[in-house]
Amino acid sequence: MAAAAAPAVPDQAPKMQAPGQMPFDPSHAPVIEGFTPVTLAKNESFKEKFLRKTKENPFVPIGCAATAGALLYGLRAFHQGKTRQSQLMMRGRIFAQGFTVVAIIVGIFATSLKPKQ
């Protein structure tokens, strides 16, 4: 057992880092052999990317809004002591979360079937 743990080539011992020294420079991208990063033609702002993604799959934001609405309404009903309504809204929240997950999966599948541009 102990022989299996020994390095195969004794001349190539693992390099030890000095204490406090980082293994890479975080200000530069890491160099990965055999990988060439894709450069985007245009930098998008958050708003542009959000609108583009919403147009690609509009059911995800709808599901997120339904989930948040059911959660807030259910918490409000719970705070008011309406336990039956609160339970129904929590079940509605679970349904909305499931709808959102299915929308994400369908969107990923539909995107993978689109031809590359």
N, C-alpha and C. Protein backbone atom coordinates (compact mmCIF):
# COMPACT_ATOMS: atom_id res chain seq x y z
N MET A 1 0.81 -1.19 0.00
CA MET A 1 0.00 0.00 0.00
C MET A 1 0.85 1.25 0.00
N ALA A 2 1.91 1.26 0.81
CA ALA A 2 2.75 2.45 0.92
C ALA A 2 3.52 2.69 -0.37
N ALA A 3 3.82 1.62 -1.11
CA ALA A 3 4.56 1.79 -2.35
C ALA A 3 3.71 2.47 -3.42
N ALA A 4 2.40 2.29 -3.38
CA ALA A 4 1.51 2.90 -4.36
C ALA A 4 1.43 4.41 -4.17
N ALA A 5 1.67 4.89 -2.97
CA ALA A 5 1.56 6.31 -2.70
C ALA A 5 2.82 7.07 -3.11
N ALA A 6 3.93 6.36 -3.35
CA ALA A 6 5.17 7.02 -3.73
C ALA A 6 5.06 7.53 -5.16
N PRO A 7 5.68 8.68 -5.47
CA PRO A 7 5.62 9.20 -6.85
C PRO A 7 6.30 8.25 -7.81
N ALA A 8 5.79 8.18 -9.05
CA ALA A 8 6.32 7.27 -10.06
C ALA A 8 7.72 7.70 -10.48
N VAL A 9 7.97 9.00 -10.55
CA VAL A 9 9.27 9.52 -10.94
C VAL A 9 9.81 10.32 -9.76
N PRO A 10 10.84 9.82 -9.07
CA PRO A 10 11.32 10.52 -7.87
C PRO A 10 11.98 11.86 -8.17
N ASP A 11 12.44 12.10 -9.41
CA ASP A 11 13.11 13.36 -9.74
C ASP A 11 12.13 14.52 -9.82
N GLN A 12 10.85 14.25 -10.04
CA GLN A 12 9.86 15.31 -10.21
C GLN A 12 9.02 15.45 -8.95
N ALA A 13 9.57 16.00 -7.92
CA ALA A 13 8.84 16.24 -6.68
C ALA A 13 7.91 17.42 -6.87
N PRO A 14 6.77 17.43 -6.22
CA PRO A 14 5.85 18.56 -6.37
C PRO A 14 6.49 19.85 -5.87
N LYS A 15 6.23 20.93 -6.59
CA LYS A 15 6.79 22.23 -6.22
C LYS A 15 6.00 22.79 -5.06
N MET A 16 6.71 23.26 -4.06
CA MET A 16 6.08 23.83 -2.88
C MET A 16 6.04 25.35 -3.00
N GLN A 17 4.93 25.95 -2.68
CA GLN A 17 4.78 27.40 -2.69
C GLN A 17 5.29 27.97 -1.38
N ALA A 18 5.84 29.15 -1.46
CA ALA A 18 6.24 29.84 -0.24
C ALA A 18 4.98 30.23 0.53
N PRO A 19 5.04 30.24 1.86
CA PRO A 19 3.85 30.61 2.64
C PRO A 19 3.36 32.01 2.26
N GLY A 20 2.08 32.13 2.01
CA GLY A 20 1.48 33.42 1.68
C GLY A 20 1.53 33.74 0.20
N GLN A 21 2.20 32.92 -0.61
CA GLN A 21 2.30 33.17 -2.04
C GLN A 21 1.16 32.45 -2.76
N MET A 22 0.52 33.15 -3.70
CA MET A 22 -0.59 32.57 -4.45
C MET A 22 -0.04 31.71 -5.60
N PRO A 23 -0.74 30.63 -5.95
CA PRO A 23 -0.26 29.78 -7.04
C PRO A 23 -0.41 30.42 -8.42
N PHE A 24 -1.19 31.48 -8.52
CA PHE A 24 -1.36 32.17 -9.80
C PHE A 24 -1.63 33.64 -9.53
N ASP A 25 -1.49 34.43 -10.58
CA ASP A 25 -1.72 35.87 -10.48
C ASP A 25 -3.18 36.15 -10.83
N PRO A 26 -4.02 36.61 -9.88
CA PRO A 26 -5.44 36.81 -10.16
C PRO A 26 -5.71 37.97 -11.12
N SER A 27 -4.72 38.81 -11.40
CA SER A 27 -4.95 39.92 -12.32
C SER A 27 -4.86 39.48 -13.78
N HIS A 28 -4.37 38.26 -14.04
CA HIS A 28 -4.26 37.74 -15.40
C HIS A 28 -5.05 36.44 -15.50
N ALA A 29 -5.54 36.16 -16.70
CA ALA A 29 -6.27 34.92 -16.93
C ALA A 29 -5.31 33.74 -16.83
N PRO A 30 -5.77 32.62 -16.28
CA PRO A 30 -4.87 31.45 -16.19
C PRO A 30 -4.61 30.87 -17.57
N VAL A 31 -3.45 30.29 -17.76
CA VAL A 31 -3.08 29.65 -19.02
C VAL A 31 -3.45 28.17 -18.89
N ILE A 32 -4.36 27.72 -19.75
CA ILE A 32 -4.80 26.34 -19.74
C ILE A 32 -4.41 25.72 -21.07
N GLU A 33 -3.63 24.66 -21.00
CA GLU A 33 -3.13 24.03 -22.21
C GLU A 33 -4.28 23.46 -23.03
N GLY A 34 -4.32 23.77 -24.32
CA GLY A 34 -5.34 23.26 -25.22
C GLY A 34 -6.64 24.03 -25.19
N PHE A 35 -6.69 25.16 -24.51
CA PHE A 35 -7.92 25.95 -24.41
C PHE A 35 -7.68 27.34 -24.95
N THR A 36 -8.53 27.75 -25.88
CA THR A 36 -8.46 29.12 -26.38
C THR A 36 -9.78 29.79 -26.06
N PRO A 37 -9.77 30.85 -25.27
CA PRO A 37 -11.02 31.49 -24.88
C PRO A 37 -11.68 32.19 -26.06
N VAL A 38 -12.99 32.20 -26.03
CA VAL A 38 -13.78 32.86 -27.06
C VAL A 38 -13.91 34.33 -26.67
N THR A 39 -13.59 35.20 -27.58
CA THR A 39 -13.76 36.62 -27.31
C THR A 39 -15.10 37.07 -27.88
N LEU A 40 -15.83 37.81 -27.10
CA LEU A 40 -17.13 38.31 -27.55
C LEU A 40 -16.93 39.49 -28.47
N ALA A 41 -17.81 39.60 -29.45
CA ALA A 41 -17.70 40.70 -30.41
C ALA A 41 -18.02 42.04 -29.74
N LYS A 42 -18.89 42.00 -28.74
CA LYS A 42 -19.33 43.25 -28.12
C LYS A 42 -19.57 43.01 -26.64
N ASN A 43 -19.18 43.95 -25.82
CA ASN A 43 -19.46 43.85 -24.40
C ASN A 43 -20.89 44.32 -24.16
N GLU A 44 -21.66 43.50 -23.47
CA GLU A 44 -23.05 43.83 -23.18
C GLU A 44 -23.16 44.40 -21.77
N SER A 45 -24.05 45.35 -21.62
CA SER A 45 -24.35 45.83 -20.27
C SER A 45 -25.31 44.81 -19.63
N PHE A 46 -25.54 44.97 -18.34
CA PHE A 46 -26.44 44.06 -17.64
C PHE A 46 -27.84 44.12 -18.25
N LYS A 47 -28.30 45.34 -18.54
CA LYS A 47 -29.65 45.51 -19.09
C LYS A 47 -29.78 44.86 -20.46
N GLU A 48 -28.77 45.04 -21.32
CA GLU A 48 -28.82 44.44 -22.66
C GLU A 48 -28.82 42.91 -22.58
N LYS A 49 -27.99 42.37 -21.70
CA LYS A 49 -27.94 40.92 -21.56
C LYS A 49 -29.24 40.38 -20.98
N PHE A 50 -29.81 41.08 -19.99
CA PHE A 50 -31.07 40.66 -19.40
C PHE A 50 -32.18 40.64 -20.45
N LEU A 51 -32.25 41.70 -21.25
CA LEU A 51 -33.29 41.75 -22.29
C LEU A 51 -33.09 40.67 -23.34
N ARG A 52 -31.85 40.41 -23.73
CA ARG A 52 -31.57 39.37 -24.72
C ARG A 52 -31.96 37.99 -24.18
N LYS A 53 -31.60 37.71 -22.95
CA LYS A 53 -31.94 36.41 -22.36
C LYS A 53 -33.45 36.27 -22.15
N THR A 54 -34.11 37.37 -21.81
CA THR A 54 -35.57 37.33 -21.63
C THR A 54 -36.27 37.04 -22.96
N LYS A 55 -35.75 37.61 -24.03
CA LYS A 55 -36.33 37.34 -25.35
C LYS A 55 -36.09 35.91 -25.79
N GLU A 56 -34.92 35.35 -25.41
CA GLU A 56 -34.62 33.96 -25.77
C GLU A 56 -35.53 32.97 -25.03
N ASN A 57 -35.80 33.24 -23.76
CA ASN A 57 -36.62 32.33 -22.96
C ASN A 57 -37.48 33.15 -22.00
N PRO A 58 -38.64 33.63 -22.45
CA PRO A 58 -39.45 34.52 -21.62
C PRO A 58 -40.12 33.84 -20.42
N PHE A 59 -40.16 32.51 -20.39
CA PHE A 59 -40.86 31.83 -19.31
C PHE A 59 -40.07 31.81 -18.01
N VAL A 60 -38.75 31.95 -18.09
CA VAL A 60 -37.94 31.95 -16.86
C VAL A 60 -38.24 33.17 -15.99
N PRO A 61 -38.22 34.40 -16.52
CA PRO A 61 -38.57 35.53 -15.66
C PRO A 61 -40.02 35.49 -15.17
N ILE A 62 -40.91 34.95 -15.99
CA ILE A 62 -42.30 34.81 -15.56
C ILE A 62 -42.38 33.85 -14.38
N GLY A 63 -41.66 32.72 -14.46
CA GLY A 63 -41.64 31.76 -13.35
C GLY A 63 -41.00 32.35 -12.10
N CYS A 64 -39.94 33.12 -12.28
CA CYS A 64 -39.28 33.76 -11.13
C CYS A 64 -40.23 34.75 -10.45
N ALA A 65 -40.93 35.53 -11.24
CA ALA A 65 -41.87 36.50 -10.68
C ALA A 65 -43.02 35.78 -9.96
N ALA A 66 -43.51 34.69 -10.56
CA ALA A 66 -44.58 33.92 -9.91
C ALA A 66 -44.11 33.31 -8.60
N THR A 67 -42.87 32.82 -8.57
CA THR A 67 -42.32 32.24 -7.35
C THR A 67 -42.21 33.30 -6.25
N ALA A 68 -41.66 34.45 -6.62
CA ALA A 68 -41.50 35.53 -5.63
C ALA A 68 -42.87 36.03 -5.15
N GLY A 69 -43.83 36.16 -6.07
CA GLY A 69 -45.17 36.61 -5.69
C GLY A 69 -45.86 35.65 -4.74
N ALA A 70 -45.77 34.36 -5.05
CA ALA A 70 -46.39 33.36 -4.18
C ALA A 70 -45.72 33.34 -2.81
N LEU A 71 -44.41 33.48 -2.78
CA LEU A 71 -43.69 33.51 -1.51
C LEU A 71 -44.11 34.70 -0.67
N LEU A 72 -44.11 35.88 -1.27
CA LEU A 72 -44.47 37.08 -0.51
C LEU A 72 -45.92 37.05 -0.04
N TYR A 73 -46.82 36.62 -0.92
CA TYR A 73 -48.23 36.55 -0.54
C TYR A 73 -48.44 35.50 0.55
N GLY A 74 -47.73 34.36 0.45
CA GLY A 74 -47.85 33.32 1.46
C GLY A 74 -47.29 33.76 2.81
N LEU A 75 -46.17 34.49 2.79
CA LEU A 75 -45.63 35.01 4.05
C LEU A 75 -46.56 36.04 4.68
N ARG A 76 -47.16 36.86 3.84
CA ARG A 76 -48.12 37.86 4.34
C ARG A 76 -49.32 37.15 4.98
N ALA A 77 -49.83 36.12 4.32
CA ALA A 77 -50.97 35.38 4.87
C ALA A 77 -50.58 34.68 6.17
N PHE A 78 -49.36 34.16 6.24
CA PHE A 78 -48.89 33.51 7.46
C PHE A 78 -48.79 34.53 8.60
N HIS A 79 -48.30 35.71 8.29
CA HIS A 79 -48.18 36.76 9.30
C HIS A 79 -49.56 37.19 9.83
N GLN A 80 -50.56 37.16 8.95
CA GLN A 80 -51.92 37.55 9.35
C GLN A 80 -52.66 36.41 10.03
N GLY A 81 -52.05 35.23 10.09
CA GLY A 81 -52.68 34.11 10.78
C GLY A 81 -53.59 33.28 9.90
N LYS A 82 -53.56 33.48 8.60
CA LYS A 82 -54.39 32.71 7.67
C LYS A 82 -53.59 31.47 7.24
N THR A 83 -53.62 30.45 8.08
CA THR A 83 -52.77 29.30 7.83
C THR A 83 -53.16 28.53 6.58
N ARG A 84 -54.44 28.40 6.32
CA ARG A 84 -54.88 27.65 5.13
C ARG A 84 -54.41 28.35 3.86
N GLN A 85 -54.59 29.66 3.79
CA GLN A 85 -54.16 30.42 2.62
C GLN A 85 -52.63 30.40 2.50
N SER A 86 -51.95 30.47 3.61
CA SER A 86 -50.49 30.43 3.61
C SER A 86 -49.99 29.10 3.05
N GLN A 87 -50.61 27.99 3.47
CA GLN A 87 -50.23 26.68 2.95
C GLN A 87 -50.48 26.57 1.44
N LEU A 88 -51.60 27.09 0.98
CA LEU A 88 -51.89 27.06 -0.45
C LEU A 88 -50.87 27.87 -1.25
N MET A 89 -50.48 29.01 -0.71
CA MET A 89 -49.50 29.84 -1.41
C MET A 89 -48.12 29.19 -1.41
N MET A 90 -47.77 28.50 -0.34
CA MET A 90 -46.48 27.80 -0.33
C MET A 90 -46.48 26.65 -1.33
N ARG A 91 -47.61 25.99 -1.49
CA ARG A 91 -47.72 24.96 -2.53
C ARG A 91 -47.66 25.58 -3.91
N GLY A 92 -48.27 26.75 -4.06
CA GLY A 92 -48.17 27.48 -5.32
C GLY A 92 -46.74 27.89 -5.62
N ARG A 93 -46.00 28.24 -4.59
CA ARG A 93 -44.59 28.60 -4.76
C ARG A 93 -43.79 27.41 -5.28
N ILE A 94 -44.06 26.23 -4.73
CA ILE A 94 -43.37 25.03 -5.18
C ILE A 94 -43.71 24.75 -6.64
N PHE A 95 -44.95 24.92 -7.01
CA PHE A 95 -45.37 24.73 -8.40
C PHE A 95 -44.64 25.73 -9.30
N ALA A 96 -44.58 26.99 -8.88
CA ALA A 96 -43.91 28.02 -9.68
C ALA A 96 -42.42 27.74 -9.80
N GLN A 97 -41.80 27.23 -8.75
CA GLN A 97 -40.38 26.87 -8.83
C GLN A 97 -40.17 25.73 -9.82
N GLY A 98 -41.06 24.76 -9.78
CA GLY A 98 -40.97 23.65 -10.74
C GLY A 98 -41.14 24.13 -12.16
N PHE A 99 -42.08 25.05 -12.36
CA PHE A 99 -42.29 25.64 -13.69
C PHE A 99 -41.03 26.34 -14.16
N THR A 100 -40.37 27.07 -13.26
CA THR A 100 -39.16 27.80 -13.62
C THR A 100 -38.04 26.85 -13.99
N VAL A 101 -37.86 25.78 -13.23
CA VAL A 101 -36.81 24.80 -13.53
C VAL A 101 -37.07 24.14 -14.88
N VAL A 102 -38.32 23.77 -15.15
CA VAL A 102 -38.66 23.17 -16.45
C VAL A 102 -38.41 24.18 -17.57
N ALA A 103 -38.74 25.45 -17.36
CA ALA A 103 -38.49 26.48 -18.37
C ALA A 103 -37.00 26.63 -18.65
N ILE A 104 -36.18 26.55 -17.62
CA ILE A 104 -34.73 26.64 -17.80
C ILE A 104 -34.23 25.45 -18.62
N ILE A 105 -34.69 24.25 -18.29
CA ILE A 105 -34.24 23.05 -18.99
C ILE A 105 -34.69 23.09 -20.45
N VAL A 106 -35.93 23.47 -20.70
CA VAL A 106 -36.43 23.57 -22.07
C VAL A 106 -35.65 24.64 -22.84
N GLY A 107 -35.35 25.76 -22.18
CA GLY A 107 -34.57 26.81 -22.83
C GLY A 107 -33.18 26.36 -23.19
N ILE A 108 -32.53 25.60 -22.31
CA ILE A 108 -31.19 25.08 -22.60
C ILE A 108 -31.26 24.10 -23.77
N PHE A 109 -32.27 23.24 -23.76
CA PHE A 109 -32.42 22.27 -24.84
C PHE A 109 -32.68 22.98 -26.17
N ALA A 110 -33.55 24.00 -26.16
CA ALA A 110 -33.85 24.73 -27.39
C ALA A 110 -32.62 25.49 -27.89
N THR A 111 -31.84 26.04 -26.98
CA THR A 111 -30.63 26.76 -27.38
C THR A 111 -29.60 25.81 -27.98
N SER A 112 -29.53 24.59 -27.44
CA SER A 112 -28.55 23.62 -27.98
C SER A 112 -28.95 23.14 -29.38
N LEU A 113 -30.24 23.21 -29.71
CA LEU A 113 -30.68 22.78 -31.04
C LEU A 113 -30.53 23.86 -32.10
N LYS A 114 -30.36 25.13 -31.67
CA LYS A 114 -30.19 26.21 -32.62
C LYS A 114 -28.87 26.08 -33.34
N PRO A 115 -28.85 26.40 -34.64
CA PRO A 115 -27.55 26.37 -35.34
C PRO A 115 -26.65 27.49 -34.85
N LYS A 116 -25.34 27.21 -34.82
CA LYS A 116 -24.37 28.21 -34.38
C LYS A 116 -24.29 29.33 -35.41
N GLN A 117 -24.11 30.55 -34.92
CA GLN A 117 -24.02 31.69 -35.84
C GLN A 117 -22.58 32.05 -36.10
